[in-house]
N, C-alpha and C. Protein backbone atom coordinates (compact mmCIF):
# COMPACT_ATOMS: atom_id res chain seq x y z
N MET A 1 169.67 76.69 86.54
CA MET A 1 170.09 76.45 85.23
C MET A 1 169.08 75.79 84.28
N PRO A 2 168.62 76.39 83.20
CA PRO A 2 167.71 75.73 82.37
C PRO A 2 168.01 74.26 81.76
N THR A 3 166.97 73.62 81.80
CA THR A 3 167.27 72.10 80.96
C THR A 3 166.00 72.30 79.93
N PRO A 4 166.12 71.30 79.07
CA PRO A 4 165.17 71.15 77.83
C PRO A 4 163.89 71.16 78.39
N ASP A 5 163.28 70.86 79.40
CA ASP A 5 161.91 70.78 79.91
C ASP A 5 161.61 71.74 81.02
N ARG A 6 162.69 72.69 81.43
CA ARG A 6 162.32 73.65 82.44
C ARG A 6 163.11 74.86 82.15
N ASP A 7 162.60 75.99 82.47
CA ASP A 7 163.19 77.21 82.43
C ASP A 7 164.20 77.48 83.59
N ASP A 8 164.57 78.86 83.43
CA ASP A 8 165.77 79.01 84.69
C ASP A 8 164.94 79.27 86.13
N THR A 9 163.86 79.29 86.08
CA THR A 9 162.98 79.23 87.45
C THR A 9 162.67 77.80 87.98
N GLY A 10 162.85 76.90 87.07
CA GLY A 10 162.69 75.50 87.39
C GLY A 10 161.10 75.00 87.01
N GLU A 11 160.41 76.07 86.20
CA GLU A 11 159.00 75.70 86.02
C GLU A 11 159.00 74.89 84.73
N PRO A 12 158.01 74.28 84.43
CA PRO A 12 158.13 73.39 83.03
C PRO A 12 157.88 74.35 82.00
N THR A 13 158.72 74.10 80.87
CA THR A 13 158.36 74.85 79.81
C THR A 13 157.14 74.73 78.77
N ASP A 14 156.42 73.58 79.00
CA ASP A 14 155.36 73.10 78.21
C ASP A 14 154.15 74.17 78.75
N GLY A 15 154.10 74.80 79.63
CA GLY A 15 152.93 75.58 80.23
C GLY A 15 152.41 74.95 81.48
N SER A 16 152.62 73.64 81.81
CA SER A 16 152.16 72.87 82.68
C SER A 16 152.47 73.41 84.22
N THR A 17 151.96 72.82 85.24
CA THR A 17 152.32 73.20 86.42
C THR A 17 152.57 71.73 87.25
N ASP A 18 153.51 71.88 88.07
CA ASP A 18 153.72 70.78 89.00
C ASP A 18 153.02 70.83 90.18
N HIS A 19 152.47 72.02 90.43
CA HIS A 19 152.02 72.42 91.79
C HIS A 19 150.77 71.51 92.23
N GLN A 20 149.87 71.34 91.32
CA GLN A 20 148.78 70.65 91.33
C GLN A 20 148.26 69.90 90.25
N PRO A 21 148.30 68.62 90.09
CA PRO A 21 147.75 68.03 88.99
C PRO A 21 146.31 68.15 88.73
N PRO A 22 145.81 67.92 87.54
CA PRO A 22 144.33 68.46 87.16
C PRO A 22 143.37 67.31 88.06
N ASP A 23 143.84 66.11 88.14
CA ASP A 23 143.00 65.19 88.89
C ASP A 23 143.02 65.34 90.31
N ASP A 24 143.76 66.19 90.87
CA ASP A 24 143.77 66.52 92.30
C ASP A 24 142.74 67.09 92.97
N GLN A 25 141.48 67.01 92.29
CA GLN A 25 140.33 67.78 92.89
C GLN A 25 140.03 66.70 94.05
N PRO A 26 139.83 67.29 95.19
CA PRO A 26 139.14 66.38 96.43
C PRO A 26 137.88 65.87 96.03
N THR A 27 137.68 64.81 96.55
CA THR A 27 136.41 64.34 96.35
C THR A 27 135.89 63.54 97.76
N CYS A 28 134.84 63.59 98.21
CA CYS A 28 134.13 63.28 99.34
C CYS A 28 134.20 61.68 99.19
N PRO A 29 134.92 61.27 100.60
CA PRO A 29 134.89 59.86 100.71
C PRO A 29 133.59 58.90 101.01
N TYR A 30 132.61 59.67 101.21
CA TYR A 30 131.10 59.14 101.72
C TYR A 30 130.40 59.09 100.42
N CYS A 31 130.36 60.09 99.61
CA CYS A 31 129.34 60.19 98.57
C CYS A 31 130.09 60.31 97.03
N GLU A 32 131.32 60.58 97.09
CA GLU A 32 132.24 60.67 95.97
C GLU A 32 131.71 61.88 95.02
N SER A 33 131.41 62.95 95.98
CA SER A 33 131.11 64.22 95.04
C SER A 33 132.21 64.97 95.02
N THR A 34 132.45 65.89 93.83
CA THR A 34 133.56 66.78 93.83
C THR A 34 133.02 68.32 94.31
N ASP A 35 131.74 68.37 94.75
CA ASP A 35 131.35 69.58 95.41
C ASP A 35 131.76 69.80 96.71
N VAL A 36 133.11 70.12 97.01
CA VAL A 36 133.58 70.16 98.26
C VAL A 36 134.21 71.47 98.37
N THR A 37 134.17 72.17 99.66
CA THR A 37 134.94 73.35 99.88
C THR A 37 136.07 73.12 100.93
N LEU A 38 137.06 73.82 100.90
CA LEU A 38 138.25 73.67 102.02
C LEU A 38 137.56 74.62 103.29
N GLU A 39 137.51 73.92 104.26
CA GLU A 39 136.94 74.72 105.38
C GLU A 39 138.24 75.03 106.20
N SER A 40 139.18 74.13 106.34
CA SER A 40 140.47 74.69 107.14
C SER A 40 141.71 73.97 106.62
N ALA A 41 142.66 74.86 106.39
CA ALA A 41 143.85 74.65 105.90
C ALA A 41 144.59 73.52 106.92
N PHE A 42 144.09 73.43 108.13
CA PHE A 42 144.87 72.46 109.22
C PHE A 42 143.74 71.60 109.68
N GLY A 43 143.76 70.32 109.64
CA GLY A 43 143.00 69.54 110.34
C GLY A 43 143.47 69.15 111.73
N SER A 44 143.15 67.65 111.92
CA SER A 44 143.62 67.16 113.38
C SER A 44 145.30 67.12 113.49
N GLU A 45 145.74 67.03 112.24
CA GLU A 45 147.20 67.09 112.09
C GLU A 45 147.53 68.23 111.20
N ILE A 46 148.76 68.62 111.32
CA ILE A 46 149.39 69.80 110.34
C ILE A 46 149.39 69.26 109.01
N SER A 47 149.57 68.01 108.69
CA SER A 47 149.70 67.32 107.22
C SER A 47 148.22 67.26 106.70
N LYS A 48 146.94 67.44 107.13
CA LYS A 48 145.75 67.32 106.72
C LYS A 48 145.03 68.67 106.62
N SER A 49 144.14 68.57 105.71
CA SER A 49 143.28 69.69 105.50
C SER A 49 141.84 69.28 105.52
N GLN A 50 140.87 70.29 106.11
CA GLN A 50 139.54 69.75 106.40
C GLN A 50 138.57 70.35 105.24
N TYR A 51 137.74 69.58 104.76
CA TYR A 51 136.80 69.81 103.65
C TYR A 51 135.42 69.71 104.19
N TYR A 52 134.45 70.36 103.29
CA TYR A 52 133.13 70.12 103.68
C TYR A 52 132.38 69.89 102.25
N CYS A 53 131.61 68.68 102.20
CA CYS A 53 130.90 68.23 101.32
C CYS A 53 129.57 68.80 101.10
N ARG A 54 129.34 69.57 100.14
CA ARG A 54 127.91 70.25 100.02
C ARG A 54 126.86 69.24 99.68
N ASN A 55 127.24 68.04 98.99
CA ASN A 55 126.33 67.06 98.62
C ASN A 55 125.74 66.53 99.96
N CYS A 56 126.45 65.81 100.64
CA CYS A 56 125.87 64.79 101.89
C CYS A 56 126.14 65.67 103.03
N ARG A 57 126.87 66.94 102.99
CA ARG A 57 126.90 67.85 104.23
C ARG A 57 127.79 67.29 105.27
N THR A 58 129.04 66.71 104.80
CA THR A 58 129.83 65.88 105.72
C THR A 58 131.05 66.72 105.64
N MET A 59 131.85 66.65 106.81
CA MET A 59 133.19 67.08 106.97
C MET A 59 134.19 65.75 106.85
N PHE A 60 135.31 66.19 106.13
CA PHE A 60 136.28 65.03 106.04
C PHE A 60 137.56 65.63 105.94
N GLU A 61 138.77 64.81 106.08
CA GLU A 61 140.00 65.32 106.13
C GLU A 61 140.72 64.62 105.09
N ARG A 62 141.77 65.46 104.39
CA ARG A 62 142.42 64.82 103.30
C ARG A 62 143.97 65.23 103.58
N LEU A 63 144.91 64.08 103.25
CA LEU A 63 146.37 64.43 103.29
C LEU A 63 146.82 65.61 102.29
N LYS A 64 147.47 66.51 102.79
CA LYS A 64 147.98 67.82 101.98
C LYS A 64 148.98 67.22 100.95
N TYR A 65 149.71 66.40 101.42
CA TYR A 65 150.85 66.12 100.34
C TYR A 65 150.90 64.73 99.70
N ASP A 66 149.91 63.89 100.00
CA ASP A 66 149.75 62.65 99.35
C ASP A 66 150.91 61.88 99.24
N GLY A 67 151.84 61.81 100.08
CA GLY A 67 153.13 61.03 99.88
C GLY A 67 154.27 61.78 99.35
N GLU A 68 154.09 62.89 98.92
CA GLU A 68 155.18 63.63 97.93
C GLU A 68 155.94 64.53 99.23
N ARG A 69 157.06 64.59 99.27
CA ARG A 69 157.92 65.35 100.11
C ARG A 69 157.97 66.78 100.00
N PRO A 70 157.14 67.59 100.84
CA PRO A 70 157.37 69.12 100.63
C PRO A 70 158.60 69.90 100.44
N ASP A 71 158.82 70.73 99.60
CA ASP A 71 160.24 71.32 99.71
C ASP A 71 160.15 72.28 100.86
N THR A 72 161.24 72.07 101.70
CA THR A 72 161.44 72.90 102.94
C THR A 72 162.36 74.10 102.77
N GLY A 73 163.01 74.09 101.61
CA GLY A 73 164.07 75.10 101.37
C GLY A 73 165.32 74.66 101.99
N ARG A 74 165.68 73.47 102.41
CA ARG A 74 166.72 73.19 103.12
C ARG A 74 167.67 72.38 102.10
């Protein structure tokens, strides 16, 4: 059911997206560069992703959900 700020599919009506905020760009924890690439969707745990920093040439892991509970469809 649509609400004033959502359409009938649940998406925001203002054109924004809830899926990934603009400031959600991964940054390297060692050199703070944003020049990183996703190396693997799964890291040492299923809740982590592996990234590679092109600036300092270091691999690092990042939590996928950052504390938000993912929709499991249940």
